[in-house]
Amino acid sequence: MQASVWKDVERAFGILQSRFVIIRGPGRMWNESTLHNIMTACVIMHNMIIEDERDGIDVEEVYDYMGEKATIRRNPDQAFVQYIEVTKAIQNWALHHQLRDDLVEHLWSCHGAQ
């Protein structure tokens, strides 16, 4: 029974991977609640797409090609390390507030009180 459910989960995950690239990538950088939100959003969008494509016609879906499988690398390459650094920079609140304040100041200088 467990093997049957496992197969169903693998098939469903493969279908979502073929449709949404975000699921193919590594998920270790996100916390559990973010991964839950991503998976929930992808399932909802998938169901919406299926409903929209169906248009009242009973069509059996066949997924022969489910996309490339995600590969797990134990030693991160330079691109992954750079991605993590950029993500950390984006999540730097002090830098965020400084950039926001600089943008506001720039906009006031360009379009200030006219």
Protein backbone atom coordinates (compact mmCIF):
# COMPACT_ATOMS: atom_id res chain seq x y z
CA MET A 1 0.00 0.00 0.00
CA GLN A 2 2.86 2.37 0.87
CA ALA A 3 4.61 1.63 -2.44
CA SER A 4 1.42 2.43 -4.32
CA VAL A 5 1.03 5.79 -2.58
CA TRP A 6 4.76 6.49 -3.08
CA LYS A 7 4.35 5.90 -6.82
CA ASP A 8 1.35 8.25 -6.96
CA VAL A 9 3.29 10.98 -5.14
CA GLU A 10 6.30 10.54 -7.45
CA ARG A 11 4.05 10.75 -10.52
CA ALA A 12 2.30 13.89 -9.23
CA PHE A 13 5.62 15.51 -8.37
CA GLY A 14 6.96 14.66 -11.83
CA ILE A 15 3.95 16.30 -13.45
CA LEU A 16 4.48 19.46 -11.40
CA GLN A 17 8.21 19.44 -12.21
CA SER A 18 7.43 19.28 -15.92
CA ARG A 19 5.17 22.34 -15.68
CA PHE A 20 6.89 24.55 -13.08
CA VAL A 21 10.64 25.17 -13.21
CA ILE A 22 10.76 26.43 -9.62
CA ILE A 23 10.14 22.88 -8.39
CA ARG A 24 13.03 21.43 -10.41
CA GLY A 25 15.67 23.49 -8.62
CA PRO A 26 17.18 22.85 -5.22
CA GLY A 27 14.89 23.59 -2.31
CA ARG A 28 17.38 23.63 0.54
CA MET A 29 17.64 27.41 0.60
CA TRP A 30 13.97 27.86 1.49
CA ASN A 31 12.39 27.11 4.82
CA GLU A 32 9.60 24.59 5.22
CA SER A 33 6.74 27.10 5.17
CA THR A 34 8.04 28.69 1.94
CA LEU A 35 8.31 25.26 0.29
CA HIS A 36 4.77 24.51 1.43
CA ASN A 37 3.53 27.77 -0.10
CA ILE A 38 5.38 27.07 -3.38
CA MET A 39 3.96 23.55 -3.66
CA THR A 40 0.44 24.72 -2.76
CA ALA A 41 0.59 27.51 -5.34
CA CYS A 42 1.87 25.14 -8.04
CA VAL A 43 -0.86 22.58 -7.31
CA ILE A 44 -3.54 25.29 -7.42
CA MET A 45 -2.16 26.76 -10.68
CA HIS A 46 -1.88 23.28 -12.21
CA ASN A 47 -5.53 22.56 -11.37
CA MET A 48 -6.57 25.94 -12.79
CA ILE A 49 -4.65 25.27 -16.02
CA ILE A 50 -6.23 21.82 -16.36
CA GLU A 51 -9.72 23.27 -15.84
CA ASP A 52 -9.06 26.03 -18.36
CA GLU A 53 -7.64 23.69 -21.01
CA ARG A 54 -10.41 21.17 -20.58
CA ASP A 55 -13.31 23.46 -21.68
CA GLY A 56 -15.91 20.81 -20.87
CA ILE A 57 -14.20 18.12 -22.93
CA ASP A 58 -13.27 14.95 -21.06
CA VAL A 59 -9.62 14.58 -21.97
CA GLU A 60 -7.33 12.03 -20.42
CA GLU A 61 -3.95 13.58 -19.84
CA VAL A 62 -0.84 11.72 -20.82
CA TYR A 63 2.52 12.87 -19.52
CA ASP A 64 5.13 10.97 -21.49
CA TYR A 65 7.79 13.62 -20.98
CA MET A 66 8.00 14.92 -17.45
CA GLY A 67 11.06 17.10 -17.89
CA GLU A 68 14.57 16.62 -16.67
CA LYS A 69 14.98 15.18 -13.21
CA ALA A 70 16.61 17.38 -10.63
CA THR A 71 20.13 16.30 -9.82
CA ILE A 72 21.53 16.60 -6.34
CA ARG A 73 25.11 17.77 -6.02
CA ARG A 74 26.92 17.33 -2.74
CA ASN A 75 29.59 19.95 -3.54
CA PRO A 76 28.04 23.23 -4.70
CA ASP A 77 29.51 24.77 -7.84
CA GLN A 78 30.40 28.45 -8.21
CA ALA A 79 27.05 29.39 -9.76
CA PHE A 80 25.17 28.00 -6.77
CA VAL A 81 27.45 29.76 -4.30
CA GLN A 82 26.96 33.02 -6.20
CA TYR A 83 23.18 32.47 -6.16
CA ILE A 84 23.24 32.05 -2.38
CA GLU A 85 25.32 35.23 -1.98
CA VAL A 86 22.90 37.23 -4.14
CA THR A 87 19.95 35.83 -2.19
CA LYS A 88 21.56 36.85 1.09
CA ALA A 89 22.27 40.33 -0.31
CA ILE A 90 18.64 40.67 -1.36
CA GLN A 91 17.52 39.66 2.12
CA ASN A 92 19.85 42.16 3.80
CA TRP A 93 17.40 44.54 5.50
CA ALA A 94 19.94 47.28 6.16
CA LEU A 95 20.92 47.32 2.48
CA HIS A 96 17.23 47.19 1.48
CA HIS A 97 16.39 50.25 3.59
CA GLN A 98 19.46 52.13 2.34
CA LEU A 99 18.56 51.44 -1.31
CA ARG A 100 14.93 52.40 -0.67
CA ASP A 101 15.97 55.68 0.95
CA ASP A 102 18.40 56.41 -1.89
CA LEU A 103 15.64 55.78 -4.43
CA VAL A 104 13.22 58.09 -2.60
CA GLU A 105 15.88 60.80 -2.41
CA HIS A 106 16.65 60.39 -6.13
CA LEU A 107 12.98 60.62 -7.07
CA TRP A 108 12.54 63.74 -4.95
CA SER A 109 15.56 65.34 -6.60
CA CYS A 110 14.23 64.50 -10.10
CA HIS A 111 10.52 65.14 -9.57
CA GLY A 112 10.46 67.05 -6.30
CA ALA A 113 8.08 69.87 -5.50
CA GLN A 114 7.24 71.33 -8.88
